[in-house]
Every structure is written in structure tokens, then in C-alpha cells.
């Protein structure tokens, strides 16, 4: 079982899917409203699981196609992954199945992961829906996200957006706590929206 100061969480996903905004929202309790830099500094904090305070480190594994070995080196000792996609970029969900899950299964085969559908607030924006429709696509629905998460073995599915900025830390902490409990009671499931 985990002891104090030893929960390592690595966040993966395609570029420009909302990972960094989500992490900045988590670390500061507010989503950025200006340009978001492509890299998030690592974050150290704590959460409480089953009445016990656990120190946590969150690492943003930036997608670097020229140096995937660097990203893979971050995976050693990871306790939980957060795999992100954008609900308005269906191809990013495809990459979750074709790139990110196989990669974490290769380098950390027994490590649980949470699936996060980011940019959920943009799902209902008409201009975005029209652009997707013009290319024969549509936003990923909440039901599709939950169904996909179950199919690929995610321990939990959550959706994030600036609209839930006040609850982002609570959402992610709840999801991580549920996964830690999930490792004990493997028949449970989680969808936090």
C-alpha cells in the first residue's frame, strides 16, 4: 500500500487537448483565461484517501515525438495515469486507444488510469459543431466517453472544462481516490461529471 509522499500521477495525451489548462486549473483552482503555455511545471500537493493524507506528484508528460524515450522514462514508478483527450477532437480519442493506452500498458502494464474528456464546455458551441460536421465528425458525447472508458479498462471517466473550475481539484482528487480504492475493490466503476 502507499505510504506518505509516494503517489506519482503522470498525465498523457495529444497536444492541444486541454491537459495543461486542466493541470493549471488543478494547481491554482482556476482555469487560465489567457494563452496557455504548452508545458506545465510538475505539481506537488496532497489529497486525502480513506482519512489518510497522501502526498502526490503530478507530471505532465508532454508529447514529444522527437524524444519519446524521455516521456517513457517518466513512467517508472507511476501509481496512476491520467489519459486526456478533447471531446471536440474525436481523433484525440482515437489516439488514446492507438497510442496512449498501448504505451502505458507497455511501460507500466499494471498501473490504473483515469480517462479525462477535456474541453467539455466547447461541445455545444455552434461554430465548433459546424466545423466538425463539415468534416463528417461530431463532438464525443458523455455517453460515448463513459462507454469508451469501460471498453478500454479505464478505472474512471471524468469531463473537465472551465465551467467546473471551482470543482476541478475535487473532481480529480475524487477520481484518483476512487482508483486507489478501485485497486482494492476491482468490481467498482467510476464516472464523475
N, C-alpha and C. Protein backbone atom coordinates (compact mmCIF):
# COMPACT_ATOMS: atom_id res chain seq x y z
N UNK A 1 0.84 -1.19 0.00
CA UNK A 1 0.00 0.00 0.00
C UNK A 1 0.88 1.25 0.00
N UNK A 2 0.32 2.35 -0.31
CA UNK A 2 1.06 3.59 -0.41
C UNK A 2 1.43 4.14 0.96
N UNK A 3 2.62 4.70 1.03
CA UNK A 3 3.00 5.41 2.23
C UNK A 3 3.06 6.89 1.89
N UNK A 4 3.23 7.73 2.90
CA UNK A 4 3.19 9.17 2.69
C UNK A 4 4.25 9.61 1.67
N UNK A 5 3.88 10.56 0.81
CA UNK A 5 4.76 11.19 -0.17
C UNK A 5 5.17 10.25 -1.29
N UNK A 6 4.27 9.35 -1.67
CA UNK A 6 4.70 8.45 -2.73
C UNK A 6 3.63 8.17 -3.79
N UNK A 7 2.76 9.10 -4.05
CA UNK A 7 1.80 8.92 -5.13
C UNK A 7 2.27 9.72 -6.34
N UNK A 8 2.60 9.01 -7.39
CA UNK A 8 3.06 9.64 -8.62
C UNK A 8 1.98 9.49 -9.67
N UNK A 9 1.53 10.62 -10.21
CA UNK A 9 0.48 10.67 -11.22
C UNK A 9 1.07 11.29 -12.49
N UNK A 10 1.01 10.57 -13.60
CA UNK A 10 1.52 11.08 -14.87
C UNK A 10 0.35 11.32 -15.81
N UNK A 11 0.33 12.51 -16.42
CA UNK A 11 -0.75 12.91 -17.33
C UNK A 11 -0.24 12.82 -18.76
N UNK A 12 -0.99 12.07 -19.61
CA UNK A 12 -0.61 11.90 -21.01
C UNK A 12 -1.78 12.25 -21.92
N UNK A 13 -1.48 12.47 -23.19
CA UNK A 13 -2.50 12.77 -24.19
C UNK A 13 -1.90 13.63 -25.29
N UNK A 14 -2.63 13.75 -26.38
CA UNK A 14 -2.18 14.56 -27.51
C UNK A 14 -1.98 16.01 -27.10
N UNK A 15 -1.18 16.71 -27.91
CA UNK A 15 -1.04 18.16 -27.73
C UNK A 15 -2.38 18.84 -27.98
N UNK A 16 -2.60 19.95 -27.34
CA UNK A 16 -3.76 20.83 -27.56
C UNK A 16 -5.11 20.18 -27.28
N UNK A 17 -5.14 19.30 -26.29
CA UNK A 17 -6.43 18.71 -25.91
C UNK A 17 -6.95 19.26 -24.58
N UNK A 18 -6.21 20.17 -23.97
CA UNK A 18 -6.66 20.76 -22.71
C UNK A 18 -5.96 20.24 -21.47
N UNK A 19 -4.90 19.42 -21.64
CA UNK A 19 -4.18 18.88 -20.48
C UNK A 19 -3.61 19.99 -19.60
N UNK A 20 -2.87 20.89 -20.22
CA UNK A 20 -2.19 21.92 -19.45
C UNK A 20 -3.18 22.85 -18.76
N UNK A 21 -4.25 23.22 -19.44
CA UNK A 21 -5.29 24.05 -18.80
C UNK A 21 -5.89 23.33 -17.60
N UNK A 22 -6.16 22.03 -17.77
CA UNK A 22 -6.72 21.25 -16.67
C UNK A 22 -5.75 21.22 -15.50
N UNK A 23 -4.46 20.98 -15.78
CA UNK A 23 -3.47 20.91 -14.71
C UNK A 23 -3.28 22.26 -14.03
N UNK A 24 -3.30 23.33 -14.82
CA UNK A 24 -3.19 24.66 -14.22
C UNK A 24 -4.42 24.95 -13.36
N UNK A 25 -5.58 24.53 -13.82
CA UNK A 25 -6.80 24.67 -13.03
C UNK A 25 -6.71 23.88 -11.74
N UNK A 26 -6.13 22.69 -11.82
CA UNK A 26 -5.97 21.85 -10.64
C UNK A 26 -5.02 22.51 -9.64
N UNK A 27 -3.89 22.99 -10.14
CA UNK A 27 -2.86 23.54 -9.25
C UNK A 27 -3.24 24.87 -8.64
N UNK A 28 -4.02 25.68 -9.38
CA UNK A 28 -4.31 27.04 -8.91
C UNK A 28 -5.78 27.27 -8.56
N UNK A 29 -6.62 26.28 -8.76
CA UNK A 29 -8.06 26.39 -8.54
C UNK A 29 -8.72 27.37 -9.50
N UNK A 30 -8.09 27.68 -10.62
CA UNK A 30 -8.74 28.48 -11.66
C UNK A 30 -8.12 28.16 -13.01
N UNK A 31 -9.01 28.06 -13.98
CA UNK A 31 -8.56 27.82 -15.35
C UNK A 31 -7.92 29.07 -15.91
N UNK A 32 -6.87 28.92 -16.72
CA UNK A 32 -6.27 30.10 -17.34
C UNK A 32 -7.22 30.71 -18.37
N UNK A 33 -7.23 32.03 -18.44
CA UNK A 33 -8.10 32.71 -19.40
C UNK A 33 -7.30 33.29 -20.56
N UNK A 34 -6.01 33.31 -20.42
CA UNK A 34 -5.11 33.80 -21.47
C UNK A 34 -4.46 32.60 -22.16
N UNK A 35 -3.49 32.89 -23.02
CA UNK A 35 -2.72 31.84 -23.70
C UNK A 35 -2.12 30.89 -22.67
N UNK A 36 -2.21 29.62 -22.95
CA UNK A 36 -1.68 28.60 -22.05
C UNK A 36 -0.37 28.08 -22.63
N UNK A 37 0.72 28.14 -21.86
CA UNK A 37 1.98 27.60 -22.37
C UNK A 37 1.85 26.10 -22.60
N UNK A 38 2.62 25.55 -23.54
CA UNK A 38 2.46 24.13 -23.86
C UNK A 38 3.00 23.18 -22.80
N UNK A 39 3.68 23.70 -21.80
CA UNK A 39 4.27 22.83 -20.79
C UNK A 39 3.81 23.29 -19.41
N UNK A 40 3.45 22.34 -18.57
CA UNK A 40 3.04 22.60 -17.20
C UNK A 40 4.14 22.11 -16.28
N UNK A 41 4.59 22.96 -15.37
CA UNK A 41 5.57 22.50 -14.40
C UNK A 41 4.95 21.42 -13.54
N UNK A 42 5.78 20.53 -13.07
CA UNK A 42 5.27 19.48 -12.20
C UNK A 42 4.63 20.11 -10.97
N UNK A 43 3.68 19.39 -10.40
CA UNK A 43 2.91 19.90 -9.27
C UNK A 43 3.04 18.91 -8.12
N UNK A 44 3.24 19.42 -6.95
CA UNK A 44 3.25 18.59 -5.75
C UNK A 44 2.14 19.09 -4.84
N UNK A 45 1.38 18.18 -4.31
CA UNK A 45 0.29 18.54 -3.42
C UNK A 45 -0.12 17.33 -2.61
N UNK A 46 -1.30 17.40 -2.05
CA UNK A 46 -1.76 16.27 -1.25
C UNK A 46 -3.24 16.05 -1.47
N UNK A 47 -3.68 14.85 -1.19
CA UNK A 47 -5.09 14.53 -1.17
C UNK A 47 -5.33 13.55 -0.05
N UNK A 48 -6.57 13.43 0.35
CA UNK A 48 -6.91 12.53 1.44
C UNK A 48 -7.68 11.35 0.89
N UNK A 49 -7.21 10.16 1.20
CA UNK A 49 -7.86 8.92 0.77
C UNK A 49 -8.09 8.08 2.02
N UNK A 50 -9.34 7.70 2.23
CA UNK A 50 -9.71 6.88 3.38
C UNK A 50 -9.20 7.50 4.68
N UNK A 51 -9.32 8.82 4.79
CA UNK A 51 -8.92 9.51 6.01
C UNK A 51 -7.42 9.70 6.17
N UNK A 52 -6.66 9.31 5.17
CA UNK A 52 -5.20 9.43 5.25
C UNK A 52 -4.70 10.44 4.23
N UNK A 53 -3.87 11.38 4.66
CA UNK A 53 -3.32 12.38 3.76
C UNK A 53 -2.15 11.76 2.98
N UNK A 54 -2.22 11.89 1.65
CA UNK A 54 -1.19 11.32 0.79
C UNK A 54 -0.56 12.45 -0.02
N UNK A 55 0.76 12.50 -0.03
CA UNK A 55 1.48 13.47 -0.85
C UNK A 55 1.50 12.97 -2.29
N UNK A 56 1.25 13.88 -3.22
CA UNK A 56 1.11 13.49 -4.61
C UNK A 56 1.98 14.38 -5.49
N UNK A 57 2.55 13.77 -6.51
CA UNK A 57 3.29 14.49 -7.53
C UNK A 57 2.57 14.28 -8.85
N UNK A 58 2.26 15.37 -9.57
CA UNK A 58 1.63 15.27 -10.89
C UNK A 58 2.63 15.73 -11.93
N UNK A 59 2.83 14.89 -12.94
CA UNK A 59 3.79 15.18 -14.00
C UNK A 59 3.06 15.24 -15.34
N UNK A 60 3.28 16.31 -16.08
CA UNK A 60 2.73 16.47 -17.42
C UNK A 60 3.73 15.86 -18.40
N UNK A 61 3.39 14.71 -18.96
CA UNK A 61 4.26 14.05 -19.94
C UNK A 61 3.98 14.65 -21.30
N UNK A 62 4.71 15.67 -21.64
CA UNK A 62 4.49 16.40 -22.89
C UNK A 62 4.75 15.47 -24.07
N UNK A 63 3.86 15.56 -25.05
CA UNK A 63 4.01 14.75 -26.26
C UNK A 63 5.19 15.29 -27.06
N UNK A 64 6.27 14.54 -27.04
CA UNK A 64 7.45 14.92 -27.80
C UNK A 64 7.80 13.79 -28.74
N UNK A 65 7.33 13.91 -29.98
CA UNK A 65 7.56 12.83 -30.94
C UNK A 65 9.04 12.62 -31.20
N UNK A 66 9.86 13.68 -31.12
CA UNK A 66 11.28 13.52 -31.39
C UNK A 66 12.00 12.80 -30.26
N UNK A 67 11.45 12.79 -29.08
CA UNK A 67 12.12 12.16 -27.96
C UNK A 67 11.14 11.40 -27.07
N UNK A 68 10.48 10.37 -27.62
CA UNK A 68 9.54 9.62 -26.78
C UNK A 68 10.22 8.89 -25.63
N UNK A 69 11.53 8.60 -25.74
CA UNK A 69 12.23 7.91 -24.65
C UNK A 69 12.21 8.74 -23.38
N UNK A 70 12.28 10.07 -23.52
CA UNK A 70 12.20 10.93 -22.34
C UNK A 70 10.85 10.76 -21.66
N UNK A 71 9.79 10.77 -22.47
CA UNK A 71 8.45 10.61 -21.91
C UNK A 71 8.32 9.24 -21.25
N UNK A 72 8.82 8.22 -21.89
CA UNK A 72 8.72 6.87 -21.33
C UNK A 72 9.46 6.75 -20.01
N UNK A 73 10.56 7.50 -19.87
CA UNK A 73 11.33 7.43 -18.63
C UNK A 73 10.53 7.98 -17.45
N UNK A 74 9.54 8.83 -17.72
CA UNK A 74 8.70 9.38 -16.66
C UNK A 74 7.76 8.32 -16.06
N UNK A 75 7.52 7.26 -16.80
CA UNK A 75 6.52 6.27 -16.40
C UNK A 75 6.96 5.38 -15.25
N UNK A 76 8.26 5.23 -15.04
CA UNK A 76 8.75 4.35 -13.97
C UNK A 76 8.22 4.83 -12.62
N UNK A 77 7.68 3.92 -11.87
CA UNK A 77 7.19 4.24 -10.53
C UNK A 77 5.87 4.98 -10.48
N UNK A 78 5.17 5.08 -11.61
CA UNK A 78 3.88 5.77 -11.63
C UNK A 78 2.82 4.92 -10.95
N UNK A 79 2.00 5.56 -10.12
CA UNK A 79 0.91 4.87 -9.43
C UNK A 79 -0.41 4.98 -10.18
N UNK A 80 -0.57 6.07 -10.93
CA UNK A 80 -1.80 6.28 -11.69
C UNK A 80 -1.51 7.20 -12.87
N UNK A 81 -2.15 6.90 -13.99
CA UNK A 81 -2.07 7.75 -15.17
C UNK A 81 -3.40 8.48 -15.34
N UNK A 82 -3.31 9.70 -15.86
CA UNK A 82 -4.48 10.44 -16.31
C UNK A 82 -4.31 10.58 -17.81
N UNK A 83 -5.20 9.94 -18.57
CA UNK A 83 -5.12 9.94 -20.04
C UNK A 83 -6.18 10.91 -20.55
N UNK A 84 -5.72 11.95 -21.27
CA UNK A 84 -6.62 13.03 -21.70
C UNK A 84 -6.88 13.01 -23.20
N UNK A 85 -8.09 13.41 -23.55
CA UNK A 85 -8.46 13.68 -24.93
C UNK A 85 -9.40 14.87 -24.92
N UNK A 86 -9.63 15.46 -26.09
CA UNK A 86 -10.57 16.57 -26.19
C UNK A 86 -11.88 16.06 -26.76
N UNK A 87 -12.98 16.41 -26.13
CA UNK A 87 -14.29 15.96 -26.63
C UNK A 87 -14.63 16.60 -27.97
N UNK A 88 -13.91 17.67 -28.35
CA UNK A 88 -14.16 18.30 -29.65
C UNK A 88 -13.12 17.90 -30.70
N UNK A 89 -12.26 16.96 -30.34
CA UNK A 89 -11.26 16.43 -31.28
C UNK A 89 -11.35 14.91 -31.25
N UNK A 90 -12.31 14.35 -32.00
CA UNK A 90 -12.51 12.90 -31.97
C UNK A 90 -11.25 12.10 -32.27
N UNK A 91 -10.35 12.66 -33.09
CA UNK A 91 -9.11 11.94 -33.40
C UNK A 91 -8.24 11.78 -32.15
N UNK A 92 -8.38 12.68 -31.19
CA UNK A 92 -7.60 12.54 -29.95
C UNK A 92 -8.09 11.35 -29.13
N UNK A 93 -9.37 11.02 -29.22
CA UNK A 93 -9.89 9.82 -28.55
C UNK A 93 -9.37 8.57 -29.26
N UNK A 94 -9.29 8.63 -30.57
CA UNK A 94 -8.71 7.51 -31.34
C UNK A 94 -7.26 7.29 -30.93
N UNK A 95 -6.51 8.38 -30.74
CA UNK A 95 -5.12 8.26 -30.31
C UNK A 95 -5.00 7.67 -28.90
N UNK A 96 -5.99 7.91 -28.06
CA UNK A 96 -5.98 7.29 -26.73
C UNK A 96 -5.89 5.78 -26.88
N UNK A 97 -6.71 5.25 -27.78
CA UNK A 97 -6.74 3.79 -27.97
C UNK A 97 -5.53 3.28 -28.75
N UNK A 98 -5.07 4.05 -29.72
CA UNK A 98 -4.00 3.57 -30.59
C UNK A 98 -2.59 3.91 -30.10
N UNK A 99 -2.45 4.97 -29.31
CA UNK A 99 -1.13 5.42 -28.88
C UNK A 99 -0.96 5.36 -27.37
N UNK A 100 -1.81 6.09 -26.65
CA UNK A 100 -1.56 6.31 -25.23
C UNK A 100 -1.78 5.08 -24.37
N UNK A 101 -2.88 4.38 -24.55
CA UNK A 101 -3.10 3.18 -23.73
C UNK A 101 -2.07 2.10 -24.04
N UNK A 102 -1.78 1.80 -25.33
CA UNK A 102 -0.72 0.82 -25.59
C UNK A 102 0.63 1.23 -24.98
N UNK A 103 0.93 2.52 -25.02
CA UNK A 103 2.20 2.98 -24.47
C UNK A 103 2.26 2.77 -22.96
N UNK A 104 1.22 3.16 -22.24
CA UNK A 104 1.28 2.98 -20.79
C UNK A 104 1.19 1.50 -20.42
N UNK A 105 0.50 0.72 -21.22
CA UNK A 105 0.43 -0.72 -20.96
C UNK A 105 1.78 -1.40 -21.21
N UNK A 106 2.55 -0.87 -22.15
CA UNK A 106 3.88 -1.40 -22.43
C UNK A 106 4.86 -1.07 -21.31
N UNK A 107 4.84 0.17 -20.85
CA UNK A 107 5.83 0.63 -19.88
C UNK A 107 5.37 0.52 -18.43
N UNK A 108 4.08 0.42 -18.19
CA UNK A 108 3.55 0.31 -16.82
C UNK A 108 2.28 -0.55 -16.87
N UNK A 109 2.43 -1.84 -17.18
CA UNK A 109 1.27 -2.68 -17.50
C UNK A 109 0.21 -2.84 -16.42
N UNK A 110 0.55 -2.70 -15.17
CA UNK A 110 -0.42 -2.92 -14.10
C UNK A 110 -0.91 -1.62 -13.46
N UNK A 111 -0.56 -0.50 -14.05
CA UNK A 111 -0.91 0.79 -13.46
C UNK A 111 -2.28 1.24 -13.94
N UNK A 112 -3.19 1.59 -13.03
CA UNK A 112 -4.53 2.04 -13.44
C UNK A 112 -4.48 3.42 -14.08
N UNK A 113 -5.52 3.71 -14.85
CA UNK A 113 -5.60 5.03 -15.46
C UNK A 113 -7.01 5.56 -15.43
N UNK A 114 -7.09 6.89 -15.36
CA UNK A 114 -8.34 7.64 -15.44
C UNK A 114 -8.40 8.24 -16.83
N UNK A 115 -9.56 8.20 -17.45
CA UNK A 115 -9.76 8.84 -18.75
C UNK A 115 -10.45 10.18 -18.53
N UNK A 116 -9.88 11.24 -19.11
CA UNK A 116 -10.44 12.59 -18.96
C UNK A 116 -10.83 13.14 -20.32
N UNK A 117 -12.10 13.51 -20.45
CA UNK A 117 -12.59 14.22 -21.62
C UNK A 117 -12.52 15.71 -21.33
N UNK A 118 -11.54 16.38 -21.93
CA UNK A 118 -11.33 17.81 -21.66
C UNK A 118 -12.08 18.67 -22.67
N UNK A 119 -12.16 19.94 -22.38
CA UNK A 119 -12.81 20.94 -23.23
C UNK A 119 -14.31 20.65 -23.42
N UNK A 120 -14.93 20.08 -22.40
CA UNK A 120 -16.34 19.71 -22.50
C UNK A 120 -17.25 20.92 -22.71
N UNK A 121 -16.82 22.09 -22.28
CA UNK A 121 -17.62 23.31 -22.47
C UNK A 121 -17.76 23.68 -23.94
N UNK A 122 -16.84 23.22 -24.78
CA UNK A 122 -16.87 23.58 -26.20
C UNK A 122 -17.75 22.64 -27.03
N UNK A 123 -18.23 21.59 -26.42
CA UNK A 123 -19.06 20.60 -27.12
C UNK A 123 -20.32 21.22 -27.72
N UNK A 124 -20.88 22.21 -27.06
CA UNK A 124 -22.14 22.80 -27.52
C UNK A 124 -21.97 24.10 -28.31
N UNK A 125 -20.75 24.49 -28.61
CA UNK A 125 -20.50 25.72 -29.37
C UNK A 125 -20.83 25.46 -30.84
N UNK A 126 -21.77 26.24 -31.38
CA UNK A 126 -22.27 26.00 -32.74
C UNK A 126 -21.17 26.02 -33.79
N UNK A 127 -20.25 26.97 -33.72
CA UNK A 127 -19.18 27.06 -34.72
C UNK A 127 -18.34 25.79 -34.72
N UNK A 128 -18.03 25.29 -33.56
CA UNK A 128 -17.23 24.07 -33.45
C UNK A 128 -18.01 22.87 -33.97
N UNK A 129 -19.28 22.78 -33.60
CA UNK A 129 -20.12 21.68 -34.09
C UNK A 129 -20.22 21.72 -35.62
N UNK A 130 -20.36 22.93 -36.19
CA UNK A 130 -20.45 23.08 -37.64
C UNK A 130 -19.14 22.66 -38.32
N UNK A 131 -18.00 23.06 -37.74
CA UNK A 131 -16.71 22.67 -38.31
C UNK A 131 -16.52 21.16 -38.27
N UNK A 132 -16.90 20.54 -37.17
CA UNK A 132 -16.81 19.09 -37.07
C UNK A 132 -17.74 18.42 -38.07
N UNK A 133 -18.97 18.91 -38.17
CA UNK A 133 -19.95 18.33 -39.10
C UNK A 133 -19.46 18.43 -40.54
N UNK A 134 -18.81 19.54 -40.89
CA UNK A 134 -18.30 19.73 -42.25
C UNK A 134 -17.25 18.68 -42.61
N UNK A 135 -16.57 18.14 -41.60
CA UNK A 135 -15.57 17.10 -41.86
C UNK A 135 -16.11 15.70 -41.54
N UNK A 136 -17.42 15.62 -41.32
CA UNK A 136 -18.05 14.32 -41.06
C UNK A 136 -17.90 13.82 -39.64
N UNK A 137 -17.64 14.71 -38.71
CA UNK A 137 -17.46 14.32 -37.31
C UNK A 137 -18.44 15.06 -36.42
N UNK A 138 -18.46 14.66 -35.17
CA UNK A 138 -19.24 15.34 -34.15
C UNK A 138 -18.48 15.23 -32.84
N UNK A 139 -18.79 16.09 -31.87
CA UNK A 139 -18.10 16.00 -30.58
C UNK A 139 -18.36 14.64 -29.93
N UNK A 140 -17.43 14.23 -29.10
CA UNK A 140 -17.59 12.99 -28.34
C UNK A 140 -18.57 13.27 -27.22
N UNK A 141 -19.65 12.50 -27.14
CA UNK A 141 -20.66 12.71 -26.10
C UNK A 141 -20.19 12.11 -24.78
N UNK A 142 -20.84 12.52 -23.71
CA UNK A 142 -20.53 11.97 -22.40
C UNK A 142 -20.75 10.46 -22.39
N UNK A 143 -21.84 10.00 -22.98
CA UNK A 143 -22.12 8.56 -23.03
C UNK A 143 -21.04 7.83 -23.80
N UNK A 144 -20.59 8.40 -24.93
CA UNK A 144 -19.51 7.78 -25.69
C UNK A 144 -18.23 7.71 -24.86
N UNK A 145 -17.94 8.76 -24.11
CA UNK A 145 -16.76 8.77 -23.25
C UNK A 145 -16.83 7.69 -22.18
N UNK A 146 -17.97 7.58 -21.53
CA UNK A 146 -18.15 6.55 -20.49
C UNK A 146 -18.04 5.16 -21.09
N UNK A 147 -18.69 4.94 -22.22
CA UNK A 147 -18.66 3.63 -22.88
C UNK A 147 -17.24 3.27 -23.30
N UNK A 148 -16.55 4.23 -23.89
CA UNK A 148 -15.17 4.01 -24.31
C UNK A 148 -14.29 3.68 -23.10
N UNK A 149 -14.44 4.45 -22.02
CA UNK A 149 -13.64 4.23 -20.82
C UNK A 149 -13.82 2.81 -20.29
N UNK A 150 -15.05 2.35 -20.27
CA UNK A 150 -15.31 0.98 -19.80
C UNK A 150 -14.67 -0.04 -20.73
N UNK A 151 -14.79 0.20 -22.03
CA UNK A 151 -14.27 -0.76 -23.02
C UNK A 151 -12.74 -0.90 -22.94
N UNK A 152 -12.04 0.22 -22.70
CA UNK A 152 -10.57 0.16 -22.69
C UNK A 152 -9.99 -0.09 -21.29
N UNK A 153 -10.85 -0.25 -20.30
CA UNK A 153 -10.38 -0.59 -18.97
C UNK A 153 -9.98 0.58 -18.08
N UNK A 154 -10.48 1.78 -18.39
CA UNK A 154 -10.20 2.92 -17.51
C UNK A 154 -10.90 2.70 -16.18
N UNK A 155 -10.25 3.10 -15.12
CA UNK A 155 -10.83 2.96 -13.79
C UNK A 155 -11.91 4.00 -13.54
N UNK A 156 -11.85 5.10 -14.28
CA UNK A 156 -12.77 6.21 -14.04
C UNK A 156 -12.81 7.09 -15.27
N UNK A 157 -13.95 7.78 -15.49
CA UNK A 157 -14.08 8.75 -16.57
C UNK A 157 -14.58 10.06 -15.99
N UNK A 158 -13.88 11.16 -16.28
CA UNK A 158 -14.36 12.47 -15.88
C UNK A 158 -14.28 13.42 -17.07
N UNK A 159 -15.08 14.47 -17.03
CA UNK A 159 -15.01 15.53 -18.03
C UNK A 159 -14.66 16.82 -17.32
N UNK A 160 -13.84 17.63 -17.99
CA UNK A 160 -13.41 18.89 -17.41
C UNK A 160 -13.66 20.04 -18.37
N UNK A 161 -13.79 21.22 -17.80
CA UNK A 161 -13.97 22.45 -18.56
C UNK A 161 -13.83 23.62 -17.59
N UNK A 162 -13.64 24.83 -18.13
CA UNK A 162 -13.58 25.99 -17.22
C UNK A 162 -14.86 26.16 -16.40
N UNK A 163 -15.98 25.64 -16.89
CA UNK A 163 -17.24 25.76 -16.15
C UNK A 163 -17.19 25.05 -14.80
N UNK A 164 -16.32 24.05 -14.68
CA UNK A 164 -16.21 23.32 -13.41
C UNK A 164 -14.92 23.68 -12.68
N UNK A 165 -14.35 24.86 -13.01
CA UNK A 165 -13.05 25.23 -12.44
C UNK A 165 -13.05 25.19 -10.92
N UNK A 166 -14.16 25.55 -10.29
CA UNK A 166 -14.19 25.56 -8.83
C UNK A 166 -14.12 24.14 -8.27
N UNK A 167 -14.50 23.17 -9.08
CA UNK A 167 -14.53 21.79 -8.60
C UNK A 167 -13.44 20.92 -9.21
N UNK A 168 -12.53 21.48 -10.01
CA UNK A 168 -11.58 20.64 -10.73
C UNK A 168 -10.69 19.85 -9.77
N UNK A 169 -10.22 20.47 -8.72
CA UNK A 169 -9.38 19.74 -7.76
C UNK A 169 -10.19 18.63 -7.09
N UNK A 170 -11.42 18.95 -6.71
CA UNK A 170 -12.28 17.94 -6.08
C UNK A 170 -12.56 16.79 -7.06
N UNK A 171 -12.83 17.13 -8.32
CA UNK A 171 -13.09 16.09 -9.32
C UNK A 171 -11.91 15.15 -9.49
N UNK A 172 -10.73 15.73 -9.69
CA UNK A 172 -9.55 14.91 -9.93
C UNK A 172 -9.17 14.14 -8.67
N UNK A 173 -9.22 14.78 -7.51
CA UNK A 173 -8.92 14.06 -6.27
C UNK A 173 -9.89 12.91 -6.05
N UNK A 174 -11.17 13.14 -6.32
CA UNK A 174 -12.17 12.07 -6.17
C UNK A 174 -11.88 10.92 -7.12
N UNK A 175 -11.52 11.27 -8.36
CA UNK A 175 -11.22 10.23 -9.34
C UNK A 175 -9.99 9.43 -8.91
N UNK A 176 -8.94 10.12 -8.48
CA UNK A 176 -7.73 9.41 -8.04
C UNK A 176 -8.02 8.57 -6.81
N UNK A 177 -8.76 9.12 -5.86
CA UNK A 177 -9.11 8.36 -4.66
C UNK A 177 -9.92 7.12 -5.02
N UNK A 178 -10.84 7.27 -5.98
CA UNK A 178 -11.66 6.12 -6.37
C UNK A 178 -10.81 5.05 -7.02
N UNK A 179 -9.78 5.45 -7.75
CA UNK A 179 -8.89 4.46 -8.37
C UNK A 179 -8.06 3.76 -7.31
N UNK A 180 -7.60 4.50 -6.32
CA UNK A 180 -6.84 3.85 -5.26
C UNK A 180 -7.72 2.84 -4.53
N UNK A 181 -8.98 3.20 -4.30
CA UNK A 181 -9.93 2.25 -3.70
C UNK A 181 -10.26 1.15 -4.69
N UNK A 182 -10.30 1.48 -5.98
CA UNK A 182 -10.60 0.52 -7.04
C UNK A 182 -9.59 -0.63 -7.03
N UNK A 183 -8.35 -0.32 -6.71
CA UNK A 183 -7.33 -1.37 -6.70
C UNK A 183 -7.64 -2.40 -5.61
N UNK A 184 -8.39 -1.98 -4.60
CA UNK A 184 -8.78 -2.90 -3.55
C UNK A 184 -10.08 -3.60 -3.93
N UNK A 185 -11.05 -2.84 -4.43
CA UNK A 185 -12.35 -3.39 -4.82
C UNK A 185 -12.50 -3.27 -6.33
N UNK A 186 -11.95 -4.21 -7.07
CA UNK A 186 -11.85 -4.08 -8.52
C UNK A 186 -13.16 -4.19 -9.27
N UNK A 187 -14.24 -4.47 -8.62
CA UNK A 187 -15.52 -4.56 -9.31
C UNK A 187 -16.27 -3.23 -9.38
N UNK A 188 -15.71 -2.19 -8.80
CA UNK A 188 -16.39 -0.89 -8.82
C UNK A 188 -16.11 -0.15 -10.12
N UNK A 189 -16.89 0.89 -10.38
CA UNK A 189 -16.63 1.73 -11.54
C UNK A 189 -16.85 3.18 -11.14
N UNK A 190 -16.42 4.09 -12.01
CA UNK A 190 -16.47 5.50 -11.65
C UNK A 190 -16.72 6.34 -12.88
N UNK A 191 -17.66 7.24 -12.81
CA UNK A 191 -17.86 8.27 -13.84
C UNK A 191 -18.21 9.54 -13.09
N UNK A 192 -17.31 10.50 -13.10
CA UNK A 192 -17.52 11.75 -12.37
C UNK A 192 -17.67 12.85 -13.40
N UNK A 193 -18.84 13.49 -13.42
CA UNK A 193 -19.10 14.53 -14.41
C UNK A 193 -19.53 15.81 -13.75
